[in-house]
Amino acid sequence: MKIAGIILLVLGVIGTLVFGINAIGDSESFSLLGVDVALSSANWTPLIISALVLVSGIVLTASAKKSGT
């Protein structure tokens, strides 16, 4: 279980970084009465799934350390 947790942890970190950078980069800005307004047109689903994989990897790794396996 510890190895599976570490694998999920690494994949979650990589996915969160990659999809997070893409989501931040997918924004459009325009000027309205002299104020710059930014709207995000990103798909947030991959980022949310990556974050869930990251959390599950942390939980699996932590539970494997407690059980000693």
PDB file of N, CA and C in Angstrom:
ATOM      1  N   MET A   1       0.813  -1.200   0.000  1.00  0.00           N
ATOM      2  CA  MET A   1       0.000   0.000   0.000  1.00  0.00           C
ATOM      3  C   MET A   1       0.854   1.261   0.000  1.00  0.00           C
ATOM      4  N   LYS A   2       2.016   1.180   0.627  1.00  0.00           N
ATOM      5  CA  LYS A   2       2.873   2.356   0.694  1.00  0.00           C
ATOM      6  C   LYS A   2       3.367   2.752  -0.693  1.00  0.00           C
ATOM      7  N   ILE A   3       3.706   1.764  -1.527  1.00  0.00           N
ATOM      8  CA  ILE A   3       4.194   2.060  -2.876  1.00  0.00           C
ATOM      9  C   ILE A   3       3.074   2.677  -3.716  1.00  0.00           C
ATOM     10  N   ALA A   4       1.858   2.147  -3.585  1.00  0.00           N
ATOM     11  CA  ALA A   4       0.725   2.709  -4.326  1.00  0.00           C
ATOM     12  C   ALA A   4       0.458   4.144  -3.869  1.00  0.00           C
ATOM     13  N   GLY A   5       0.591   4.406  -2.575  1.00  0.00           N
ATOM     14  CA  GLY A   5       0.405   5.757  -2.060  1.00  0.00           C
ATOM     15  C   GLY A   5       1.445   6.719  -2.600  1.00  0.00           C
ATOM     16  N   ILE A   6       2.684   6.275  -2.671  1.00  0.00           N
ATOM     17  CA  ILE A   6       3.753   7.130  -3.197  1.00  0.00           C
ATOM     18  C   ILE A   6       3.533   7.414  -4.679  1.00  0.00           C
ATOM     19  N   ILE A   7       3.112   6.398  -5.428  1.00  0.00           N
ATOM     20  CA  ILE A   7       2.840   6.593  -6.859  1.00  0.00           C
ATOM     21  C   ILE A   7       1.703   7.592  -7.059  1.00  0.00           C
ATOM     22  N   LEU A   8       0.625   7.437  -6.285  1.00  0.00           N
ATOM     23  CA  LEU A   8      -0.491   8.378  -6.391  1.00  0.00           C
ATOM     24  C   LEU A   8      -0.072   9.781  -5.968  1.00  0.00           C
ATOM     25  N   LEU A   9       0.770   9.865  -4.966  1.00  0.00           N
ATOM     26  CA  LEU A   9       1.259  11.155  -4.492  1.00  0.00           C
ATOM     27  C   LEU A   9       2.054  11.875  -5.583  1.00  0.00           C
ATOM     28  N   VAL A  10       2.959  11.158  -6.220  1.00  0.00           N
ATOM     29  CA  VAL A  10       3.790  11.759  -7.280  1.00  0.00           C
ATOM     30  C   VAL A  10       2.925  12.158  -8.478  1.00  0.00           C
ATOM     31  N   LEU A  11       2.025  11.278  -8.890  1.00  0.00           N
ATOM     32  CA  LEU A  11       1.152  11.609 -10.018  1.00  0.00           C
ATOM     33  C   LEU A  11       0.240  12.786  -9.699  1.00  0.00           C
ATOM     34  N   GLY A  12      -0.230  12.858  -8.462  1.00  0.00           N
ATOM     35  CA  GLY A  12      -1.079  13.970  -8.055  1.00  0.00           C
ATOM     36  C   GLY A  12      -0.340  15.292  -8.070  1.00  0.00           C
ATOM     37  N   VAL A  13       0.907  15.291  -7.603  1.00  0.00           N
ATOM     38  CA  VAL A  13       1.699  16.526  -7.609  1.00  0.00           C
ATOM     39  C   VAL A  13       1.960  16.977  -9.038  1.00  0.00           C
ATOM     40  N   ILE A  14       2.367  16.052  -9.892  1.00  0.00           N
ATOM     41  CA  ILE A  14       2.657  16.402 -11.291  1.00  0.00           C
ATOM     42  C   ILE A  14       1.396  16.912 -11.987  1.00  0.00           C
ATOM     43  N   GLY A  15       0.281  16.202 -11.810  1.00  0.00           N
ATOM     44  CA  GLY A  15      -0.970  16.617 -12.448  1.00  0.00           C
ATOM     45  C   GLY A  15      -1.463  17.959 -11.949  1.00  0.00           C
ATOM     46  N   THR A  16      -1.344  18.183 -10.638  1.00  0.00           N
ATOM     47  CA  THR A  16      -1.789  19.451 -10.080  1.00  0.00           C
ATOM     48  C   THR A  16      -0.956  20.613 -10.614  1.00  0.00           C
ATOM     49  N   LEU A  17       0.343  20.414 -10.696  1.00  0.00           N
ATOM     50  CA  LEU A  17       1.201  21.481 -11.232  1.00  0.00           C
ATOM     51  C   LEU A  17       0.901  21.761 -12.702  1.00  0.00           C
ATOM     52  N   VAL A  18       0.838  20.704 -13.513  1.00  0.00           N
ATOM     53  CA  VAL A  18       0.630  20.883 -14.956  1.00  0.00           C
ATOM     54  C   VAL A  18      -0.739  21.500 -15.240  1.00  0.00           C
ATOM     55  N   PHE A  19      -1.789  20.924 -14.667  1.00  0.00           N
ATOM     56  CA  PHE A  19      -3.132  21.439 -14.953  1.00  0.00           C
ATOM     57  C   PHE A  19      -3.369  22.784 -14.279  1.00  0.00           C
ATOM     58  N   GLY A  20      -2.705  23.034 -13.153  1.00  0.00           N
ATOM     59  CA  GLY A  20      -2.826  24.336 -12.503  1.00  0.00           C
ATOM     60  C   GLY A  20      -2.223  25.439 -13.337  1.00  0.00           C
ATOM     61  N   ILE A  21      -1.055  25.180 -13.899  1.00  0.00           N
ATOM     62  CA  ILE A  21      -0.414  26.180 -14.761  1.00  0.00           C
ATOM     63  C   ILE A  21      -1.258  26.423 -16.008  1.00  0.00           C
ATOM     64  N   ASN A  22      -1.812  25.361 -16.576  1.00  0.00           N
ATOM     65  CA  ASN A  22      -2.673  25.523 -17.755  1.00  0.00           C
ATOM     66  C   ASN A  22      -3.934  26.314 -17.412  1.00  0.00           C
ATOM     67  N   ALA A  23      -4.523  26.046 -16.250  1.00  0.00           N
ATOM     68  CA  ALA A  23      -5.751  26.740 -15.857  1.00  0.00           C
ATOM     69  C   ALA A  23      -5.482  28.219 -15.605  1.00  0.00           C
ATOM     70  N   ILE A  24      -4.352  28.532 -15.010  1.00  0.00           N
ATOM     71  CA  ILE A  24      -4.022  29.934 -14.749  1.00  0.00           C
ATOM     72  C   ILE A  24      -3.741  30.663 -16.061  1.00  0.00           C
ATOM     73  N   GLY A  25      -3.129  29.961 -17.000  1.00  0.00           N
ATOM     74  CA  GLY A  25      -2.804  30.577 -18.288  1.00  0.00           C
ATOM     75  C   GLY A  25      -4.002  30.793 -19.188  1.00  0.00           C
ATOM     76  N   ASP A  26      -5.100  30.081 -18.944  1.00  0.00           N
ATOM     77  CA  ASP A  26      -6.294  30.201 -19.785  1.00  0.00           C
ATOM     78  C   ASP A  26      -7.241  31.272 -19.242  1.00  0.00           C
ATOM     79  N   SER A  27      -6.792  32.489 -19.236  1.00  0.00           N
ATOM     80  CA  SER A  27      -7.658  33.572 -18.789  1.00  0.00           C
ATOM     81  C   SER A  27      -7.632  34.685 -19.826  1.00  0.00           C
ATOM     82  N   GLU A  28      -8.730  35.368 -19.916  1.00  0.00           N
ATOM     83  CA  GLU A  28      -8.856  36.474 -20.850  1.00  0.00           C
ATOM     84  C   GLU A  28      -9.087  37.738 -20.028  1.00  0.00           C
ATOM     85  N   SER A  29      -8.438  38.809 -20.421  1.00  0.00           N
ATOM     86  CA  SER A  29      -8.629  40.058 -19.689  1.00  0.00           C
ATOM     87  C   SER A  29      -9.080  41.158 -20.639  1.00  0.00           C
ATOM     88  N   PHE A  30      -9.834  42.082 -20.086  1.00  0.00           N
ATOM     89  CA  PHE A  30     -10.269  43.237 -20.851  1.00  0.00           C
ATOM     90  C   PHE A  30     -10.359  44.428 -19.902  1.00  0.00           C
ATOM     91  N   SER A  31     -10.424  45.585 -20.475  1.00  0.00           N
ATOM     92  CA  SER A  31     -10.474  46.804 -19.688  1.00  0.00           C
ATOM     93  C   SER A  31     -11.904  47.324 -19.657  1.00  0.00           C
ATOM     94  N   LEU A  32     -12.391  47.609 -18.459  1.00  0.00           N
ATOM     95  CA  LEU A  32     -13.744  48.124 -18.282  1.00  0.00           C
ATOM     96  C   LEU A  32     -13.659  49.363 -17.393  1.00  0.00           C
ATOM     97  N   LEU A  33     -13.892  50.510 -17.947  1.00  0.00           N
ATOM     98  CA  LEU A  33     -13.822  51.784 -17.228  1.00  0.00           C
ATOM     99  C   LEU A  33     -12.465  51.989 -16.577  1.00  0.00           C
ATOM    100  N   GLY A  34     -11.412  51.597 -17.267  1.00  0.00           N
ATOM    101  CA  GLY A  34     -10.063  51.782 -16.774  1.00  0.00           C
ATOM    102  C   GLY A  34      -9.579  50.708 -15.817  1.00  0.00           C
ATOM    103  N   VAL A  35     -10.387  49.685 -15.566  1.00  0.00           N
ATOM    104  CA  VAL A  35     -10.018  48.598 -14.656  1.00  0.00           C
ATOM    105  C   VAL A  35      -9.856  47.330 -15.482  1.00  0.00           C
ATOM    106  N   ASP A  36      -8.737  46.631 -15.293  1.00  0.00           N
ATOM    107  CA  ASP A  36      -8.527  45.362 -15.994  1.00  0.00           C
ATOM    108  C   ASP A  36      -9.314  44.257 -15.300  1.00  0.00           C
ATOM    109  N   VAL A  37     -10.157  43.568 -16.066  1.00  0.00           N
ATOM    110  CA  VAL A  37     -10.983  42.480 -15.557  1.00  0.00           C
ATOM    111  C   VAL A  37     -10.513  41.201 -16.231  1.00  0.00           C
ATOM    112  N   ALA A  38     -10.253  40.155 -15.429  1.00  0.00           N
ATOM    113  CA  ALA A  38      -9.792  38.876 -15.977  1.00  0.00           C
ATOM    114  C   ALA A  38     -10.870  37.819 -15.765  1.00  0.00           C
ATOM    115  N   LEU A  39     -11.156  37.091 -16.826  1.00  0.00           N
ATOM    116  CA  LEU A  39     -12.125  35.997 -16.771  1.00  0.00           C
ATOM    117  C   LEU A  39     -11.406  34.696 -17.115  1.00  0.00           C
ATOM    118  N   SER A  40     -11.668  33.667 -16.338  1.00  0.00           N
ATOM    119  CA  SER A  40     -11.037  32.379 -16.581  1.00  0.00           C
ATOM    120  C   SER A  40     -11.933  31.532 -17.466  1.00  0.00           C
ATOM    121  N   SER A  41     -11.355  30.985 -18.519  1.00  0.00           N
ATOM    122  CA  SER A  41     -12.105  30.101 -19.403  1.00  0.00           C
ATOM    123  C   SER A  41     -11.549  28.687 -19.338  1.00  0.00           C
ATOM    124  N   ALA A  42     -10.905  28.362 -18.224  1.00  0.00           N
ATOM    125  CA  ALA A  42     -10.230  27.073 -18.075  1.00  0.00           C
ATOM    126  C   ALA A  42     -11.213  25.978 -17.680  1.00  0.00           C
ATOM    127  N   ASN A  43     -10.838  24.756 -18.004  1.00  0.00           N
ATOM    128  CA  ASN A  43     -11.568  23.579 -17.559  1.00  0.00           C
ATOM    129  C   ASN A  43     -10.920  23.130 -16.245  1.00  0.00           C
ATOM    130  N   TRP A  44     -11.645  23.243 -15.147  1.00  0.00           N
ATOM    131  CA  TRP A  44     -11.086  22.974 -13.827  1.00  0.00           C
ATOM    132  C   TRP A  44     -11.191  21.509 -13.422  1.00  0.00           C
ATOM    133  N   THR A  45     -11.870  20.680 -14.181  1.00  0.00           N
ATOM    134  CA  THR A  45     -12.062  19.275 -13.817  1.00  0.00           C
ATOM    135  C   THR A  45     -10.741  18.503 -13.687  1.00  0.00           C
ATOM    136  N   PRO A  46      -9.791  18.592 -14.620  1.00  0.00           N
ATOM    137  CA  PRO A  46      -8.536  17.859 -14.443  1.00  0.00           C
ATOM    138  C   PRO A  46      -7.755  18.289 -13.207  1.00  0.00           C
ATOM    139  N   LEU A  47      -7.816  19.564 -12.874  1.00  0.00           N
ATOM    140  CA  LEU A  47      -7.122  20.058 -11.688  1.00  0.00           C
ATOM    141  C   LEU A  47      -7.751  19.494 -10.415  1.00  0.00           C
ATOM    142  N   ILE A  48      -9.063  19.432 -10.367  1.00  0.00           N
ATOM    143  CA  ILE A  48      -9.757  18.884  -9.201  1.00  0.00           C
ATOM    144  C   ILE A  48      -9.453  17.400  -9.052  1.00  0.00           C
ATOM    145  N   ILE A  49      -9.460  16.663 -10.155  1.00  0.00           N
ATOM    146  CA  ILE A  49      -9.160  15.229 -10.102  1.00  0.00           C
ATOM    147  C   ILE A  49      -7.721  14.999  -9.664  1.00  0.00           C
ATOM    148  N   SER A  50      -6.787  15.806 -10.155  1.00  0.00           N
ATOM    149  CA  SER A  50      -5.385  15.683  -9.753  1.00  0.00           C
ATOM    150  C   SER A  50      -5.217  15.963  -8.260  1.00  0.00           C
ATOM    151  N   ALA A  51      -5.936  16.948  -7.761  1.00  0.00           N
ATOM    152  CA  ALA A  51      -5.863  17.252  -6.334  1.00  0.00           C
ATOM    153  C   ALA A  51      -6.430  16.108  -5.496  1.00  0.00           C
ATOM    154  N   LEU A  52      -7.492  15.471  -5.973  1.00  0.00           N
ATOM    155  CA  LEU A  52      -8.052  14.320  -5.257  1.00  0.00           C
ATOM    156  C   LEU A  52      -7.092  13.133  -5.261  1.00  0.00           C
ATOM    157  N   VAL A  53      -6.393  12.921  -6.378  1.00  0.00           N
ATOM    158  CA  VAL A  53      -5.382  11.858  -6.446  1.00  0.00           C
ATOM    159  C   VAL A  53      -4.244  12.165  -5.476  1.00  0.00           C
ATOM    160  N   LEU A  54      -3.850  13.418  -5.396  1.00  0.00           N
ATOM    161  CA  LEU A  54      -2.801  13.838  -4.471  1.00  0.00           C
ATOM    162  C   LEU A  54      -3.211  13.569  -3.022  1.00  0.00           C
ATOM    163  N   VAL A  55      -4.424  13.929  -2.666  1.00  0.00           N
ATOM    164  CA  VAL A  55      -4.908  13.710  -1.296  1.00  0.00           C
ATOM    165  C   VAL A  55      -5.013  12.224  -0.985  1.00  0.00           C
ATOM    166  N   SER A  56      -5.479  11.425  -1.932  1.00  0.00           N
ATOM    167  CA  SER A  56      -5.576   9.982  -1.688  1.00  0.00           C
ATOM    168  C   SER A  56      -4.187   9.358  -1.542  1.00  0.00           C
ATOM    169  N   GLY A  57      -3.207   9.874  -2.276  1.00  0.00           N
ATOM    170  CA  GLY A  57      -1.840   9.395  -2.113  1.00  0.00           C
ATOM    171  C   GLY A  57      -1.284   9.725  -0.742  1.00  0.00           C
ATOM    172  N   ILE A  58      -1.589  10.915  -0.247  1.00  0.00           N
ATOM    173  CA  ILE A  58      -1.145  11.300   1.091  1.00  0.00           C
ATOM    174  C   ILE A  58      -1.795  10.406   2.139  1.00  0.00           C
ATOM    175  N   VAL A  59      -3.079  10.145   1.988  1.00  0.00           N
ATOM    176  CA  VAL A  59      -3.792   9.302   2.953  1.00  0.00           C
ATOM    177  C   VAL A  59      -3.253   7.878   2.939  1.00  0.00           C
ATOM    178  N   LEU A  60      -3.025   7.316   1.756  1.00  0.00           N
ATOM    179  CA  LEU A  60      -2.490   5.961   1.672  1.00  0.00           C
ATOM    180  C   LEU A  60      -1.090   5.864   2.254  1.00  0.00           C
ATOM    181  N   THR A  61      -0.261   6.845   1.978  1.00  0.00           N
ATOM    182  CA  THR A  61       1.106   6.834   2.502  1.00  0.00           C
ATOM    183  C   THR A  61       1.109   6.967   4.023  1.00  0.00           C
ATOM    184  N   ALA A  62       0.263   7.860   4.543  1.00  0.00           N
ATOM    185  CA  ALA A  62       0.201   8.045   5.985  1.00  0.00           C
ATOM    186  C   ALA A  62      -0.367   6.825   6.690  1.00  0.00           C
ATOM    187  N   SER A  63      -1.369   6.182   6.100  1.00  0.00           N
ATOM    188  CA  SER A  63      -1.956   5.005   6.747  1.00  0.00           C
ATOM    189  C   SER A  63      -1.003   3.819   6.679  1.00  0.00           C
ATOM    190  N   ALA A  64      -0.163   3.743   5.650  1.00  0.00           N
ATOM    191  CA  ALA A  64       0.807   2.665   5.549  1.00  0.00           C
ATOM    192  C   ALA A  64       1.907   2.827   6.596  1.00  0.00           C
ATOM    193  N   LYS A  65       2.269   4.068   6.913  1.00  0.00           N
ATOM    194  CA  LYS A  65       3.285   4.305   7.943  1.00  0.00           C
ATOM    195  C   LYS A  65       2.756   3.947   9.319  1.00  0.00           C
ATOM    196  N   LYS A  66       1.476   4.191   9.581  1.00  0.00           N
ATOM    197  CA  LYS A  66       0.886   3.874  10.884  1.00  0.00           C
ATOM    198  C   LYS A  66       0.766   2.372  11.098  1.00  0.00           C
ATOM    199  N   SER A  67       0.428   1.650  10.037  1.00  0.00           N
ATOM    200  CA  SER A  67       0.256   0.209  10.176  1.00  0.00           C
ATOM    201  C   SER A  67       1.598  -0.533  10.157  1.00  0.00           C
ATOM    202  N   GLY A  68       2.657   0.143   9.714  1.00  0.00           N
ATOM    203  CA  GLY A  68       3.971  -0.461   9.708  1.00  0.00           C
ATOM    204  C   GLY A  68       4.262  -1.353   8.515  1.00  0.00           C
ATOM    205  N   THR A  69       3.419  -1.289   7.507  1.00  0.00           N
ATOM    206  CA  THR A  69       3.610  -2.135   6.318  1.00  0.00           C
ATOM    207  C   THR A  69       4.269  -1.369   5.220  1.00  0.00           C
TER     208      THR A  69
END
